N, C-alpha and C. Protein backbone atom coordinates (compact mmCIF):
# COMPACT_ATOMS: atom_id res chain seq x y z
N MET A 1 126.85 78.85 55.07
CA MET A 1 126.06 80.04 55.41
C MET A 1 125.06 80.31 54.27
N THR A 2 123.86 80.68 54.64
CA THR A 2 122.81 80.96 53.65
C THR A 2 123.12 82.23 52.88
N GLU A 3 122.97 82.14 51.56
CA GLU A 3 123.19 83.31 50.71
C GLU A 3 122.03 84.29 50.88
N THR A 4 122.35 85.55 51.02
CA THR A 4 121.31 86.59 51.06
C THR A 4 121.46 87.47 49.84
N ILE A 5 120.40 88.16 49.49
CA ILE A 5 120.42 89.11 48.38
C ILE A 5 120.16 90.48 48.98
N ASP A 6 120.98 91.43 48.64
CA ASP A 6 120.89 92.77 49.23
C ASP A 6 119.80 93.59 48.54
N PHE A 7 118.81 93.99 49.30
CA PHE A 7 117.70 94.81 48.79
C PHE A 7 117.96 96.31 48.92
N ALA A 8 119.01 96.70 49.64
CA ALA A 8 119.14 98.09 50.08
C ALA A 8 119.10 99.10 48.94
N ALA A 9 119.87 98.87 47.87
CA ALA A 9 119.95 99.84 46.78
C ALA A 9 118.60 100.00 46.08
N GLN A 10 117.93 98.88 45.81
CA GLN A 10 116.64 98.95 45.11
C GLN A 10 115.57 99.57 46.01
N ALA A 11 115.58 99.23 47.29
CA ALA A 11 114.61 99.81 48.23
C ALA A 11 114.81 101.32 48.32
N ARG A 12 116.06 101.75 48.36
CA ARG A 12 116.37 103.18 48.43
C ARG A 12 115.89 103.89 47.17
N LEU A 13 116.08 103.27 46.01
CA LEU A 13 115.65 103.87 44.75
C LEU A 13 114.13 104.05 44.72
N VAL A 14 113.38 103.04 45.13
CA VAL A 14 111.92 103.14 45.13
C VAL A 14 111.48 104.24 46.10
N SER A 15 112.13 104.33 47.24
CA SER A 15 111.80 105.38 48.21
C SER A 15 112.05 106.77 47.61
N GLN A 16 113.14 106.92 46.87
CA GLN A 16 113.45 108.21 46.24
C GLN A 16 112.42 108.55 45.16
N LEU A 17 112.02 107.56 44.37
CA LEU A 17 110.99 107.80 43.36
C LEU A 17 109.69 108.27 44.02
N ALA A 18 109.32 107.63 45.11
CA ALA A 18 108.10 108.00 45.82
C ALA A 18 108.21 109.40 46.41
N ALA A 19 109.37 109.73 46.96
CA ALA A 19 109.56 111.05 47.56
C ALA A 19 109.43 112.16 46.52
N ARG A 20 109.79 111.86 45.28
CA ARG A 20 109.72 112.87 44.20
C ARG A 20 108.37 112.85 43.49
N THR A 21 107.45 112.00 43.92
CA THR A 21 106.12 111.96 43.32
C THR A 21 105.27 113.06 43.93
N ALA A 22 104.74 113.93 43.09
CA ALA A 22 103.95 115.08 43.57
C ALA A 22 102.53 114.63 43.92
N ASP A 23 101.94 115.30 44.88
CA ASP A 23 100.54 115.00 45.25
C ASP A 23 99.62 115.12 44.04
N GLU A 24 99.94 116.05 43.12
CA GLU A 24 99.10 116.26 41.94
C GLU A 24 99.15 115.07 40.98
N GLN A 25 100.11 114.17 41.17
CA GLN A 25 100.24 113.00 40.30
C GLN A 25 99.52 111.77 40.83
N LEU A 26 98.95 111.85 42.02
CA LEU A 26 98.40 110.65 42.66
C LEU A 26 97.25 110.01 41.90
N ASP A 27 96.51 110.79 41.12
CA ASP A 27 95.40 110.23 40.36
C ASP A 27 95.77 109.89 38.92
N ASP A 28 97.04 110.04 38.56
CA ASP A 28 97.49 109.74 37.20
C ASP A 28 97.51 108.22 36.95
N PRO A 29 97.36 107.81 35.69
CA PRO A 29 97.39 106.37 35.37
C PRO A 29 98.80 105.79 35.49
N THR A 30 98.86 104.47 35.61
CA THR A 30 100.13 103.75 35.68
C THR A 30 100.09 102.59 34.68
N PRO A 31 101.22 101.93 34.45
CA PRO A 31 101.20 100.75 33.59
C PRO A 31 100.35 99.60 34.16
N CYS A 32 100.05 99.64 35.44
CA CYS A 32 99.17 98.65 36.06
C CYS A 32 97.74 99.11 35.80
N GLU A 33 97.07 98.44 34.90
CA GLU A 33 95.82 98.91 34.31
C GLU A 33 94.78 99.42 35.30
N ASP A 34 94.61 98.74 36.42
CA ASP A 34 93.55 99.11 37.37
C ASP A 34 94.02 100.06 38.46
N TYR A 35 95.29 100.48 38.40
CA TYR A 35 95.86 101.31 39.46
C TYR A 35 96.20 102.71 38.97
N ALA A 36 95.76 103.71 39.72
CA ALA A 36 96.32 105.05 39.59
C ALA A 36 97.60 105.07 40.44
N VAL A 37 98.35 106.17 40.36
CA VAL A 37 99.60 106.28 41.12
C VAL A 37 99.35 106.04 42.60
N ARG A 38 98.26 106.58 43.14
CA ARG A 38 97.96 106.43 44.57
C ARG A 38 97.78 104.96 44.95
N HIS A 39 97.18 104.18 44.06
CA HIS A 39 96.97 102.76 44.34
C HIS A 39 98.29 101.99 44.27
N LEU A 40 99.12 102.34 43.30
CA LEU A 40 100.43 101.72 43.17
C LEU A 40 101.27 101.99 44.42
N LEU A 41 101.24 103.23 44.88
CA LEU A 41 101.99 103.58 46.09
C LEU A 41 101.42 102.87 47.32
N GLY A 42 100.09 102.78 47.39
CA GLY A 42 99.47 102.05 48.49
C GLY A 42 99.87 100.58 48.46
N HIS A 43 99.95 100.01 47.26
CA HIS A 43 100.39 98.63 47.10
C HIS A 43 101.83 98.46 47.60
N LEU A 44 102.69 99.41 47.26
CA LEU A 44 104.08 99.36 47.71
C LEU A 44 104.17 99.47 49.23
N VAL A 45 103.36 100.33 49.84
CA VAL A 45 103.34 100.45 51.30
C VAL A 45 102.98 99.09 51.91
N GLY A 46 101.93 98.46 51.37
CA GLY A 46 101.47 97.19 51.91
C GLY A 46 102.42 96.04 51.68
N LEU A 47 102.93 95.93 50.45
CA LEU A 47 103.79 94.78 50.15
C LEU A 47 105.12 94.87 50.88
N SER A 48 105.62 96.10 51.08
CA SER A 48 106.90 96.23 51.79
C SER A 48 106.74 95.84 53.26
N ALA A 49 105.56 96.09 53.83
CA ALA A 49 105.29 95.65 55.20
C ALA A 49 105.09 94.14 55.24
N ALA A 50 104.33 93.60 54.28
CA ALA A 50 104.03 92.17 54.28
C ALA A 50 105.29 91.34 54.05
N PHE A 51 106.15 91.77 53.15
CA PHE A 51 107.37 91.00 52.89
C PHE A 51 108.37 91.10 54.03
N GLN A 52 108.28 92.17 54.84
CA GLN A 52 109.07 92.21 56.08
C GLN A 52 108.64 91.09 57.00
N GLU A 53 107.32 90.95 57.16
CA GLU A 53 106.78 89.90 58.02
C GLU A 53 107.12 88.52 57.47
N ALA A 54 107.08 88.37 56.15
CA ALA A 54 107.43 87.09 55.54
C ALA A 54 108.89 86.73 55.83
N ALA A 55 109.78 87.72 55.75
CA ALA A 55 111.19 87.47 56.03
C ALA A 55 111.40 87.03 57.46
N ARG A 56 110.63 87.62 58.37
CA ARG A 56 110.77 87.30 59.80
C ARG A 56 109.96 86.09 60.22
N LYS A 57 109.21 85.53 59.26
CA LYS A 57 108.32 84.37 59.52
C LYS A 57 107.24 84.72 60.54
N ASN A 58 106.85 85.98 60.58
CA ASN A 58 105.71 86.43 61.40
C ASN A 58 104.46 86.28 60.56
N LEU A 59 103.96 85.07 60.46
CA LEU A 59 102.85 84.80 59.55
C LEU A 59 101.53 85.13 60.21
N GLY A 60 100.66 85.75 59.42
CA GLY A 60 99.36 86.17 59.93
C GLY A 60 98.60 86.88 58.83
N PRO A 61 97.65 87.74 59.20
CA PRO A 61 96.82 88.41 58.18
C PRO A 61 97.63 89.18 57.13
N MET A 62 98.77 89.74 57.54
CA MET A 62 99.55 90.53 56.59
C MET A 62 100.17 89.65 55.50
N THR A 63 100.50 88.41 55.84
CA THR A 63 101.12 87.52 54.85
C THR A 63 100.12 86.57 54.20
N SER A 64 98.95 86.42 54.80
CA SER A 64 97.98 85.45 54.28
C SER A 64 96.95 86.06 53.34
N THR A 65 96.96 87.38 53.22
CA THR A 65 95.98 88.05 52.35
C THR A 65 96.49 88.09 50.91
N ALA A 66 95.68 87.59 49.99
CA ALA A 66 96.06 87.59 48.58
C ALA A 66 96.03 89.00 48.03
N PRO A 67 96.97 89.35 47.14
CA PRO A 67 96.92 90.67 46.52
C PRO A 67 95.66 90.79 45.67
N GLY A 68 95.14 91.98 45.55
CA GLY A 68 93.95 92.19 44.75
C GLY A 68 92.67 92.02 45.54
N THR A 69 92.78 91.68 46.83
CA THR A 69 91.58 91.55 47.67
C THR A 69 90.86 92.89 47.78
N THR A 70 91.64 93.95 47.92
CA THR A 70 91.11 95.32 47.94
C THR A 70 92.00 96.18 47.07
N VAL A 71 91.50 97.33 46.68
CA VAL A 71 92.32 98.29 45.94
C VAL A 71 93.07 99.13 46.97
N PRO A 72 94.39 99.05 46.99
CA PRO A 72 95.15 99.78 47.99
C PRO A 72 95.13 101.28 47.71
N ASP A 73 95.39 102.06 48.74
CA ASP A 73 95.45 103.51 48.59
C ASP A 73 96.45 104.04 49.61
N VAL A 74 96.81 105.29 49.45
CA VAL A 74 97.73 105.91 50.40
C VAL A 74 96.94 106.67 51.46
N ALA A 75 97.53 106.78 52.62
CA ALA A 75 96.95 107.56 53.72
C ALA A 75 97.90 108.70 54.05
N SER A 76 97.49 109.56 54.93
CA SER A 76 98.34 110.66 55.36
C SER A 76 99.68 110.11 55.86
N GLY A 77 100.76 110.77 55.48
CA GLY A 77 102.09 110.33 55.92
C GLY A 77 102.64 109.14 55.16
N TRP A 78 102.10 108.89 53.96
CA TRP A 78 102.49 107.69 53.22
C TRP A 78 103.96 107.68 52.81
N ARG A 79 104.54 108.85 52.53
CA ARG A 79 105.95 108.86 52.11
C ARG A 79 106.85 108.33 53.22
N ALA A 80 106.63 108.82 54.44
CA ALA A 80 107.43 108.36 55.58
C ALA A 80 107.16 106.89 55.87
N GLU A 81 105.90 106.47 55.77
CA GLU A 81 105.56 105.07 56.02
C GLU A 81 106.22 104.16 54.99
N LEU A 82 106.17 104.56 53.72
CA LEU A 82 106.79 103.74 52.68
C LEU A 82 108.29 103.67 52.87
N ASP A 83 108.92 104.79 53.17
CA ASP A 83 110.36 104.79 53.39
C ASP A 83 110.73 103.86 54.55
N ARG A 84 109.97 103.96 55.64
CA ARG A 84 110.21 103.11 56.81
C ARG A 84 110.03 101.62 56.46
N ASN A 85 108.96 101.32 55.73
CA ASN A 85 108.69 99.93 55.35
C ASN A 85 109.77 99.38 54.42
N LEU A 86 110.20 100.20 53.47
CA LEU A 86 111.22 99.73 52.52
C LEU A 86 112.54 99.47 53.23
N ARG A 87 112.91 100.36 54.15
CA ARG A 87 114.14 100.14 54.92
C ARG A 87 114.02 98.87 55.77
N GLY A 88 112.84 98.70 56.39
CA GLY A 88 112.61 97.50 57.20
C GLY A 88 112.64 96.23 56.37
N MET A 89 112.09 96.31 55.17
CA MET A 89 112.09 95.15 54.26
C MET A 89 113.53 94.77 53.90
N ALA A 90 114.33 95.76 53.55
CA ALA A 90 115.74 95.50 53.20
C ALA A 90 116.50 94.90 54.38
N GLU A 91 116.25 95.43 55.57
CA GLU A 91 116.92 94.92 56.76
C GLU A 91 116.49 93.49 57.07
N ALA A 92 115.19 93.21 56.94
CA ALA A 92 114.67 91.88 57.27
C ALA A 92 115.25 90.81 56.35
N TRP A 93 115.39 91.13 55.05
CA TRP A 93 115.91 90.14 54.10
C TRP A 93 117.43 90.10 54.10
N HIS A 94 118.07 90.98 54.85
CA HIS A 94 119.53 90.96 54.96
C HIS A 94 119.99 89.88 55.96
N VAL A 95 119.06 89.38 56.75
CA VAL A 95 119.37 88.36 57.77
C VAL A 95 119.36 86.98 57.11
N PRO A 96 120.43 86.21 57.24
CA PRO A 96 120.49 84.91 56.55
C PRO A 96 119.30 83.99 56.85
N GLU A 97 118.80 84.00 58.08
CA GLU A 97 117.68 83.12 58.44
C GLU A 97 116.42 83.43 57.64
N ALA A 98 116.31 84.64 57.13
CA ALA A 98 115.13 85.00 56.33
C ALA A 98 115.00 84.11 55.10
N TRP A 99 116.12 83.62 54.59
CA TRP A 99 116.16 82.86 53.35
C TRP A 99 116.03 81.35 53.57
N GLU A 100 115.87 80.95 54.83
CA GLU A 100 115.83 79.53 55.16
C GLU A 100 114.39 79.05 55.38
N GLY A 101 114.15 77.80 55.08
CA GLY A 101 112.85 77.19 55.35
C GLY A 101 111.76 77.72 54.44
N GLU A 102 110.54 77.74 54.98
CA GLU A 102 109.39 78.22 54.23
C GLU A 102 108.83 79.46 54.89
N THR A 103 108.07 80.23 54.12
CA THR A 103 107.36 81.38 54.64
C THR A 103 106.08 81.54 53.84
N GLN A 104 105.41 82.65 54.05
CA GLN A 104 104.14 82.89 53.35
C GLN A 104 104.12 84.34 52.87
N ALA A 105 103.60 84.53 51.67
CA ALA A 105 103.43 85.88 51.11
C ALA A 105 102.23 85.84 50.17
N GLY A 106 101.36 86.82 50.29
CA GLY A 106 100.19 86.88 49.42
C GLY A 106 99.29 85.67 49.54
N GLY A 107 99.31 85.04 50.71
CA GLY A 107 98.46 83.87 50.93
C GLY A 107 99.04 82.58 50.39
N VAL A 108 100.27 82.61 49.88
CA VAL A 108 100.91 81.43 49.30
C VAL A 108 102.10 81.03 50.18
N THR A 109 102.16 79.77 50.55
CA THR A 109 103.32 79.24 51.27
C THR A 109 104.33 78.77 50.25
N LEU A 110 105.58 79.20 50.42
CA LEU A 110 106.62 78.88 49.45
C LEU A 110 107.98 78.92 50.13
N PRO A 111 109.01 78.36 49.49
CA PRO A 111 110.35 78.45 50.07
C PRO A 111 110.74 79.92 50.28
N ALA A 112 111.34 80.19 51.41
CA ALA A 112 111.72 81.57 51.73
C ALA A 112 112.68 82.15 50.69
N ALA A 113 113.56 81.30 50.14
CA ALA A 113 114.51 81.79 49.13
C ALA A 113 113.79 82.27 47.88
N ILE A 114 112.64 81.68 47.57
CA ILE A 114 111.85 82.14 46.43
C ILE A 114 111.05 83.39 46.81
N ALA A 115 110.49 83.40 48.01
CA ALA A 115 109.73 84.56 48.47
C ALA A 115 110.60 85.82 48.46
N GLY A 116 111.85 85.68 48.86
CA GLY A 116 112.75 86.83 48.85
C GLY A 116 112.97 87.36 47.45
N ARG A 117 113.09 86.46 46.50
CA ARG A 117 113.27 86.89 45.11
C ARG A 117 112.01 87.56 44.57
N PHE A 118 110.84 87.03 44.94
CA PHE A 118 109.60 87.69 44.55
C PHE A 118 109.52 89.09 45.17
N ALA A 119 109.94 89.21 46.41
CA ALA A 119 109.90 90.51 47.09
C ALA A 119 110.75 91.54 46.35
N LEU A 120 111.96 91.13 46.00
CA LEU A 120 112.85 92.06 45.29
C LEU A 120 112.29 92.39 43.91
N ASN A 121 111.74 91.39 43.24
CA ASN A 121 111.15 91.61 41.92
C ASN A 121 110.01 92.63 41.99
N GLU A 122 109.22 92.58 43.07
CA GLU A 122 108.15 93.57 43.24
C GLU A 122 108.72 94.99 43.22
N LEU A 123 109.85 95.17 43.87
CA LEU A 123 110.46 96.50 43.91
C LEU A 123 111.00 96.91 42.54
N VAL A 124 111.52 95.95 41.80
CA VAL A 124 112.05 96.26 40.46
C VAL A 124 110.91 96.65 39.52
N LEU A 125 109.87 95.80 39.44
CA LEU A 125 108.77 96.08 38.50
C LEU A 125 107.97 97.30 38.91
N HIS A 126 107.62 97.40 40.18
CA HIS A 126 106.79 98.54 40.60
C HIS A 126 107.60 99.84 40.65
N GLY A 127 108.91 99.73 40.80
CA GLY A 127 109.75 100.92 40.66
C GLY A 127 109.65 101.46 39.24
N TRP A 128 109.70 100.54 38.27
CA TRP A 128 109.54 100.95 36.87
C TRP A 128 108.15 101.55 36.64
N ASP A 129 107.11 100.89 37.17
CA ASP A 129 105.75 101.40 37.02
C ASP A 129 105.65 102.84 37.54
N LEU A 130 106.20 103.06 38.72
CA LEU A 130 106.11 104.39 39.34
C LEU A 130 106.90 105.42 38.55
N ALA A 131 108.10 105.04 38.13
CA ALA A 131 108.92 105.97 37.35
C ALA A 131 108.23 106.34 36.05
N ARG A 132 107.68 105.35 35.33
CA ARG A 132 106.99 105.63 34.07
C ARG A 132 105.77 106.53 34.29
N ALA A 133 104.99 106.22 35.31
CA ALA A 133 103.76 106.97 35.56
C ALA A 133 104.02 108.42 35.94
N THR A 134 105.17 108.67 36.57
CA THR A 134 105.46 110.01 37.07
C THR A 134 106.53 110.73 36.27
N GLY A 135 106.99 110.13 35.16
CA GLY A 135 107.96 110.80 34.29
C GLY A 135 109.35 110.92 34.87
N GLN A 136 109.76 109.93 35.68
CA GLN A 136 111.09 109.98 36.29
C GLN A 136 112.02 108.98 35.59
N GLU A 137 113.31 109.29 35.65
CA GLU A 137 114.32 108.36 35.15
C GLU A 137 114.34 107.13 36.03
N TYR A 138 114.69 105.99 35.44
CA TYR A 138 114.72 104.76 36.23
C TYR A 138 115.91 103.91 35.84
N ALA A 139 116.80 103.72 36.78
CA ALA A 139 117.97 102.86 36.59
C ALA A 139 118.03 101.93 37.80
N PRO A 140 117.37 100.77 37.72
CA PRO A 140 117.34 99.88 38.87
C PRO A 140 118.71 99.33 39.22
N ASP A 141 118.84 98.87 40.45
CA ASP A 141 120.06 98.22 40.89
C ASP A 141 120.35 97.05 39.95
N PRO A 142 121.54 96.99 39.33
CA PRO A 142 121.84 95.92 38.36
C PRO A 142 121.68 94.52 38.93
N ALA A 143 122.10 94.33 40.18
CA ALA A 143 121.97 93.00 40.79
C ALA A 143 120.49 92.63 40.95
N ALA A 144 119.67 93.59 41.36
CA ALA A 144 118.23 93.34 41.52
C ALA A 144 117.60 93.03 40.17
N LEU A 145 118.03 93.73 39.14
CA LEU A 145 117.50 93.48 37.79
C LEU A 145 117.84 92.05 37.35
N GLY A 146 119.04 91.60 37.66
CA GLY A 146 119.43 90.23 37.33
C GLY A 146 118.60 89.20 38.07
N VAL A 147 118.28 89.47 39.33
CA VAL A 147 117.43 88.57 40.11
C VAL A 147 116.05 88.49 39.46
N SER A 148 115.50 89.63 39.06
CA SER A 148 114.18 89.64 38.41
C SER A 148 114.20 88.83 37.12
N TYR A 149 115.22 89.02 36.32
CA TYR A 149 115.30 88.30 35.05
C TYR A 149 115.35 86.79 35.29
N ALA A 150 116.17 86.37 36.25
CA ALA A 150 116.30 84.94 36.55
C ALA A 150 115.00 84.37 37.10
N LEU A 151 114.26 85.15 37.86
CA LEU A 151 112.98 84.69 38.42
C LEU A 151 111.90 84.60 37.35
N LEU A 152 111.82 85.63 36.50
CA LEU A 152 110.71 85.75 35.56
C LEU A 152 110.85 84.88 34.32
N THR A 153 112.07 84.60 33.90
CA THR A 153 112.27 83.84 32.66
C THR A 153 111.59 82.48 32.69
N PRO A 154 111.81 81.64 33.71
CA PRO A 154 111.11 80.35 33.70
C PRO A 154 109.60 80.49 33.87
N LEU A 155 109.15 81.50 34.59
CA LEU A 155 107.71 81.72 34.74
C LEU A 155 107.07 82.04 33.40
N ALA A 156 107.79 82.81 32.57
CA ALA A 156 107.26 83.20 31.26
C ALA A 156 107.17 82.01 30.32
N GLU A 157 108.00 81.01 30.54
CA GLU A 157 108.00 79.83 29.67
C GLU A 157 106.95 78.80 30.09
N SER A 158 106.31 79.03 31.23
CA SER A 158 105.28 78.11 31.71
C SER A 158 104.01 78.27 30.87
N PRO A 159 103.30 77.17 30.59
CA PRO A 159 102.06 77.29 29.80
C PRO A 159 100.95 78.02 30.56
N GLU A 160 101.06 78.05 31.89
CA GLU A 160 100.04 78.74 32.69
C GLU A 160 100.47 80.19 32.89
N GLN A 161 99.48 81.07 32.90
CA GLN A 161 99.79 82.49 33.12
C GLN A 161 100.30 82.68 34.54
N GLY A 162 101.43 83.33 34.68
CA GLY A 162 102.02 83.57 35.99
C GLY A 162 101.35 84.71 36.72
N PRO A 163 101.92 85.09 37.85
CA PRO A 163 101.31 86.14 38.67
C PRO A 163 101.43 87.55 38.11
N PHE A 164 102.18 87.71 37.02
CA PHE A 164 102.42 89.06 36.50
C PHE A 164 101.74 89.32 35.16
N GLY A 165 100.91 88.43 34.71
CA GLY A 165 100.27 88.62 33.42
C GLY A 165 101.11 88.01 32.31
N ARG A 166 100.54 87.99 31.12
CA ARG A 166 101.25 87.39 29.98
C ARG A 166 102.46 88.24 29.59
N PRO A 167 103.59 87.58 29.31
CA PRO A 167 104.76 88.34 28.86
C PRO A 167 104.47 89.05 27.54
N VAL A 168 105.14 90.16 27.35
CA VAL A 168 105.04 90.94 26.12
C VAL A 168 106.29 90.64 25.30
N GLU A 169 106.13 90.50 24.00
CA GLU A 169 107.29 90.19 23.16
C GLU A 169 108.17 91.42 22.97
N VAL A 170 109.48 91.19 23.08
CA VAL A 170 110.47 92.22 22.76
C VAL A 170 111.56 91.55 21.93
N THR A 171 112.37 92.32 21.28
CA THR A 171 113.45 91.76 20.47
C THR A 171 114.51 91.15 21.37
N ALA A 172 115.23 90.18 20.85
CA ALA A 172 116.26 89.47 21.62
C ALA A 172 117.37 90.40 22.09
N ASP A 173 117.59 91.49 21.35
CA ASP A 173 118.66 92.41 21.74
C ASP A 173 118.15 93.61 22.55
N ALA A 174 116.90 93.52 23.04
CA ALA A 174 116.34 94.60 23.86
C ALA A 174 117.16 94.75 25.14
N PRO A 175 117.27 95.97 25.69
CA PRO A 175 117.98 96.14 26.96
C PRO A 175 117.38 95.24 28.04
N LEU A 176 118.21 94.84 29.00
CA LEU A 176 117.77 93.92 30.04
C LEU A 176 116.55 94.47 30.79
N LEU A 177 116.51 95.76 31.06
CA LEU A 177 115.35 96.33 31.75
C LEU A 177 114.08 96.12 30.93
N ASP A 178 114.15 96.36 29.62
CA ASP A 178 112.98 96.14 28.77
C ASP A 178 112.56 94.67 28.78
N GLN A 179 113.53 93.77 28.79
CA GLN A 179 113.21 92.34 28.83
C GLN A 179 112.50 91.97 30.13
N VAL A 180 112.99 92.50 31.25
CA VAL A 180 112.37 92.22 32.55
C VAL A 180 110.97 92.78 32.62
N VAL A 181 110.81 94.01 32.16
CA VAL A 181 109.49 94.65 32.16
C VAL A 181 108.52 93.84 31.31
N ALA A 182 108.98 93.38 30.15
CA ALA A 182 108.13 92.60 29.25
C ALA A 182 107.79 91.24 29.87
N LEU A 183 108.76 90.61 30.51
CA LEU A 183 108.49 89.34 31.20
C LEU A 183 107.47 89.53 32.32
N GLY A 184 107.45 90.74 32.88
CA GLY A 184 106.49 91.08 33.93
C GLY A 184 105.14 91.52 33.39
N GLY A 185 104.91 91.32 32.09
CA GLY A 185 103.60 91.62 31.51
C GLY A 185 103.35 93.07 31.18
N ARG A 186 104.41 93.86 31.07
CA ARG A 186 104.26 95.28 30.77
C ARG A 186 104.87 95.59 29.41
N ARG A 187 104.34 96.63 28.77
CA ARG A 187 104.91 97.10 27.51
C ARG A 187 106.03 98.08 27.85
N PRO A 188 107.27 97.76 27.43
CA PRO A 188 108.37 98.66 27.76
C PRO A 188 108.21 100.08 27.21
N ASP A 189 107.38 100.25 26.17
CA ASP A 189 107.17 101.59 25.59
C ASP A 189 105.98 102.31 26.21
N TRP A 190 105.43 101.77 27.31
CA TRP A 190 104.26 102.41 27.92
C TRP A 190 104.59 103.84 28.34
N ALA A 191 103.68 104.73 28.07
CA ALA A 191 103.80 106.12 28.51
C ALA A 191 102.42 106.61 28.90
N PRO A 192 102.34 107.58 29.82
CA PRO A 192 101.03 108.10 30.19
C PRO A 192 100.35 108.72 28.96
N PRO A 193 99.02 108.63 28.89
CA PRO A 193 98.33 109.27 27.76
C PRO A 193 98.60 110.75 27.70
N ALA A 194 98.73 111.27 26.50
CA ALA A 194 98.97 112.72 26.33
C ALA A 194 97.75 113.49 26.84
N SER A 195 98.03 114.56 27.59
CA SER A 195 96.90 115.33 28.15
C SER A 195 96.47 116.42 27.19
């Protein structure tokens, strides 16, 4: 039987972070240099829908469009849409067949087992981005954090820059979350500029 990875806890956490994000925070900066909070949330809305389609092998415009083609934004009802998409994403990747064969995400065809790990990693890293930008506590699902670390470590050792930017150096004894964030090209000490 094909091994699946459970997205439910991490998807629920990201949905809770989004639900607690105030409308007044939508234009605030995030650790993603070109994104305000509204763009980060729009990205989460889009990627959670696209990775659902990738899990179901429903390939088309949603899975073939490269990230960064447009700057995402939120629309009216985005909290409910994001919650629905995140639940759907978790359900889609809970099906063993989702992890079999090949699929497409962000315009790249790759083994479904790798696409699923990238999908979960998106929730881990962008959950951290959202929590940092909005001043919320962040304790990701430990299993999801382990998946991110295992995915990002070999990418960071590659001579070519990966999809997450250049890794940031941290001490060997840094907490696992800081290590994952740094492998994802973010500074673990990032904080919004003082107003």
